[in-house]
Amino acid sequence: MGLLIFLSADQAGCRWLIRETGASMSQASIITALFPLGGGIGVLILGALMDKINPNKVVAVGWLLTGVFVCLVGFSTSSLALMGVMVFIAGSIMNGAQSSMPALAAGFYPTQGRATGVAWMLGIGRFGGILGAFSGAFLMQAQLSFETIFTLLAIPAFLSAFALLIKYRVSKSVPATTDEARSLQKA
């Protein structure tokens, strides 16, 4: 979902910034670049939180906050400085949540199928890259307002948060390893 959000926002962002806010090409480029710039910060923060709090909840909240801040980007057209802050925060959280997904998946699958499970997750995620570029172009063609575009771009983040909460509830009953399953059977 991260690629879907990033590529769609990137595809539509600069042109809409110029049209909706009157920003120069230089200002629009800088604001657009703030989205991936905060990624390293988001990864460090979410990674540290995953060590202290339930990782499913941390990443789900990360996706939820990504949706909130992506949506807020669309409603911050009155101030380029405010928009820059919203874009930076949204990018930091989204990159942190996206980068945490492989670690979360690795902890979900039993040892014997871990590499396959993570590979499938990453492989399916590539569809976000395809859909991201396509949906960005579609949103540009549809000539929707800046607010509408970024509200729509928040939906994949909210879906990710919801899916992770479902995974959290379901995975409570799935043992991580065969040895753990055997010990549960003996108990």
Protein backbone atom coordinates (compact mmCIF):
# COMPACT_ATOMS: atom_id res chain seq x y z
CA MET A 1 0.00 0.00 0.00
CA GLY A 2 2.95 2.29 0.59
CA LEU A 3 3.97 2.26 -3.07
CA LEU A 4 0.38 2.91 -4.09
CA ILE A 5 0.21 5.99 -1.86
CA PHE A 6 3.70 7.25 -2.69
CA LEU A 7 3.54 6.83 -6.46
CA SER A 8 0.02 8.24 -6.72
CA ALA A 9 0.92 11.26 -4.59
CA ASP A 10 4.16 11.76 -6.48
CA GLN A 11 2.42 11.45 -9.84
CA ALA A 12 -0.31 13.93 -8.96
CA GLY A 13 1.46 16.07 -6.38
CA CYS A 14 3.58 18.62 -8.26
CA ARG A 15 1.03 19.53 -10.89
CA TRP A 16 -1.77 19.87 -8.33
CA LEU A 17 0.41 21.89 -5.95
CA ILE A 18 1.10 24.41 -8.68
CA ARG A 19 -2.53 24.57 -9.76
CA GLU A 20 -4.18 24.59 -6.30
CA THR A 21 -1.75 26.72 -4.29
CA GLY A 22 0.02 28.84 -6.86
CA ALA A 23 3.36 27.37 -5.76
CA SER A 24 6.31 27.68 -8.09
CA MET A 25 7.79 24.57 -9.70
CA SER A 26 10.71 24.81 -7.26
CA GLN A 27 8.42 25.00 -4.21
CA ALA A 28 6.26 22.14 -5.46
CA SER A 29 9.36 19.99 -6.07
CA ILE A 30 10.69 20.66 -2.57
CA ILE A 31 7.35 19.83 -0.93
CA THR A 32 7.03 16.65 -2.99
CA ALA A 33 10.58 15.63 -2.00
CA LEU A 34 9.71 15.94 1.70
CA PHE A 35 7.55 12.79 1.53
CA PRO A 36 10.40 10.27 1.14
CA LEU A 37 12.91 12.47 3.00
CA GLY A 38 11.54 11.62 6.44
CA GLY A 39 11.53 7.89 5.75
CA GLY A 40 14.66 7.12 7.75
CA ILE A 41 13.25 8.86 10.80
CA GLY A 42 9.97 6.96 10.54
CA VAL A 43 11.77 3.62 10.23
CA LEU A 44 13.84 4.28 13.35
CA ILE A 45 10.85 5.42 15.41
CA LEU A 46 8.51 2.60 14.40
CA GLY A 47 11.28 0.02 14.74
CA ALA A 48 12.02 1.15 18.29
CA LEU A 49 8.32 1.13 19.16
CA MET A 50 7.92 -2.38 17.70
CA ASP A 51 10.53 -3.60 20.20
CA LYS A 52 8.57 -2.13 23.12
CA ILE A 53 4.92 -2.51 22.10
CA ASN A 54 3.02 -5.16 20.13
CA PRO A 55 4.40 -4.85 16.56
CA ASN A 56 0.99 -5.43 14.93
CA LYS A 57 -0.50 -2.53 16.85
CA VAL A 58 2.48 -0.25 16.18
CA VAL A 59 2.40 -0.80 12.42
CA ALA A 60 -1.42 -0.59 12.33
CA VAL A 61 -1.28 2.76 14.14
CA GLY A 62 1.47 3.79 11.71
CA TRP A 63 -0.82 3.10 8.77
CA LEU A 64 -3.73 4.82 10.52
CA LEU A 65 -1.63 7.94 11.14
CA THR A 66 -0.38 7.78 7.55
CA GLY A 67 -3.99 7.97 6.37
CA VAL A 68 -4.75 10.87 8.68
CA PHE A 69 -1.72 12.90 7.62
CA VAL A 70 -2.13 12.10 3.90
CA CYS A 71 -5.70 13.36 4.20
CA LEU A 72 -4.50 16.48 6.06
CA VAL A 73 -2.10 17.24 3.20
CA GLY A 74 -5.10 17.81 0.97
CA PHE A 75 -6.60 20.29 3.40
CA SER A 76 -3.43 22.31 4.01
CA THR A 77 -3.43 24.26 0.76
CA SER A 78 -3.68 27.61 2.55
CA SER A 79 -0.05 27.44 3.71
CA LEU A 80 2.88 25.89 1.86
CA ALA A 81 4.83 25.66 5.14
CA LEU A 82 1.98 23.75 6.82
CA MET A 83 1.68 21.53 3.77
CA GLY A 84 5.41 20.82 3.87
CA VAL A 85 5.14 19.75 7.52
CA MET A 86 2.13 17.49 6.76
CA VAL A 87 3.91 15.93 3.77
CA PHE A 88 7.06 15.29 5.83
CA ILE A 89 5.10 13.70 8.71
CA ALA A 90 2.96 11.59 6.35
CA GLY A 91 6.07 10.38 4.53
CA SER A 92 7.93 9.61 7.74
CA ILE A 93 5.11 7.52 9.15
CA MET A 94 4.28 5.82 5.84
CA ASN A 95 7.89 4.85 5.18
CA GLY A 96 8.21 3.57 8.74
CA ALA A 97 5.06 1.47 8.42
CA GLN A 98 5.97 0.19 4.95
CA SER A 99 9.51 -0.74 5.98
CA SER A 100 8.21 -2.55 9.07
CA MET A 101 5.99 -4.89 7.07
CA PRO A 102 8.69 -7.50 6.20
CA ALA A 103 9.74 -7.77 9.86
CA LEU A 104 6.11 -8.12 10.88
CA ALA A 105 5.53 -10.80 8.24
CA ALA A 106 8.66 -12.70 9.30
CA GLY A 107 7.32 -12.92 12.84
CA PHE A 108 3.96 -14.21 11.63
CA TYR A 109 5.01 -17.23 9.59
CA PRO A 110 6.33 -20.50 11.05
CA THR A 111 10.09 -20.94 10.60
CA GLN A 112 9.70 -23.52 7.81
CA GLY A 113 7.65 -21.16 5.64
CA ARG A 114 9.01 -17.80 6.72
CA ALA A 115 11.05 -16.98 3.59
CA THR A 116 8.20 -18.01 1.32
CA GLY A 117 5.65 -16.02 3.32
CA VAL A 118 7.73 -12.85 3.33
CA ALA A 119 8.52 -13.27 -0.38
CA TRP A 120 4.82 -13.62 -1.20
CA MET A 121 4.02 -10.52 0.84
CA LEU A 122 6.69 -8.51 -0.98
CA GLY A 123 5.63 -9.92 -4.36
CA ILE A 124 1.98 -9.04 -3.86
CA GLY A 125 3.10 -5.60 -2.70
CA ARG A 126 4.58 -4.90 -6.15
CA PHE A 127 1.03 -4.52 -7.43
CA GLY A 128 0.94 -1.32 -5.37
CA GLY A 129 3.72 0.05 -7.56
CA ILE A 130 1.72 -0.71 -10.68
CA LEU A 131 -1.54 0.59 -9.26
CA GLY A 132 0.19 3.65 -7.79
CA ALA A 133 1.45 4.91 -11.11
CA PHE A 134 -1.85 4.07 -12.79
CA SER A 135 -4.03 5.67 -10.11
CA GLY A 136 -1.87 8.80 -10.05
CA ALA A 137 -2.40 9.20 -13.78
CA PHE A 138 -6.12 8.45 -13.39
CA LEU A 139 -6.50 11.06 -10.63
CA MET A 140 -4.75 13.64 -12.80
CA GLN A 141 -7.00 12.84 -15.73
CA ALA A 142 -10.14 13.03 -13.58
CA GLN A 143 -9.28 16.64 -12.62
CA LEU A 144 -10.36 16.10 -9.02
CA SER A 145 -9.69 18.69 -6.34
CA PHE A 146 -6.53 18.51 -4.24
CA GLU A 147 -8.63 17.66 -1.15
CA THR A 148 -10.41 14.83 -2.94
CA ILE A 149 -7.19 13.35 -4.30
CA PHE A 150 -5.49 13.19 -0.93
CA THR A 151 -8.63 11.94 0.80
CA LEU A 152 -8.74 9.09 -1.73
CA LEU A 153 -5.02 8.43 -1.22
CA ALA A 154 -5.67 7.97 2.51
CA ILE A 155 -7.97 4.98 1.88
CA PRO A 156 -5.18 2.42 1.21
CA ALA A 157 -3.50 3.42 4.49
CA PHE A 158 -6.75 2.95 6.41
CA LEU A 159 -7.28 -0.43 4.72
CA SER A 160 -3.75 -1.47 5.74
CA ALA A 161 -4.42 -0.50 9.36
CA PHE A 162 -7.69 -2.45 9.34
CA ALA A 163 -6.04 -5.52 7.78
CA LEU A 164 -3.26 -5.47 10.39
CA LEU A 165 -5.76 -5.31 13.22
CA ILE A 166 -7.52 -8.35 11.75
CA LYS A 167 -4.14 -10.08 11.42
CA TYR A 168 -3.41 -9.27 15.05
CA ARG A 169 -6.66 -10.88 16.21
CA VAL A 170 -6.21 -13.95 14.01
CA SER A 171 -2.49 -14.43 14.64
CA LYS A 172 -2.95 -14.70 18.40
CA SER A 173 -3.96 -18.30 17.77
CA VAL A 174 -1.23 -19.14 15.22
CA PRO A 175 1.99 -20.48 16.82
CA ALA A 176 5.23 -19.07 15.41
CA THR A 177 7.15 -22.37 15.27
CA THR A 178 6.54 -26.10 15.18
CA ASP A 179 8.29 -26.48 18.55
CA GLU A 180 5.93 -23.92 20.04
CA ALA A 181 2.98 -25.83 18.56
CA ARG A 182 4.22 -29.08 20.10
CA SER A 183 4.65 -27.46 23.50
CA LEU A 184 1.11 -26.10 23.29
CA GLN A 185 -0.24 -29.57 22.43
CA LYS A 186 1.50 -31.11 25.45
CA ALA A 187 0.12 -28.49 27.82
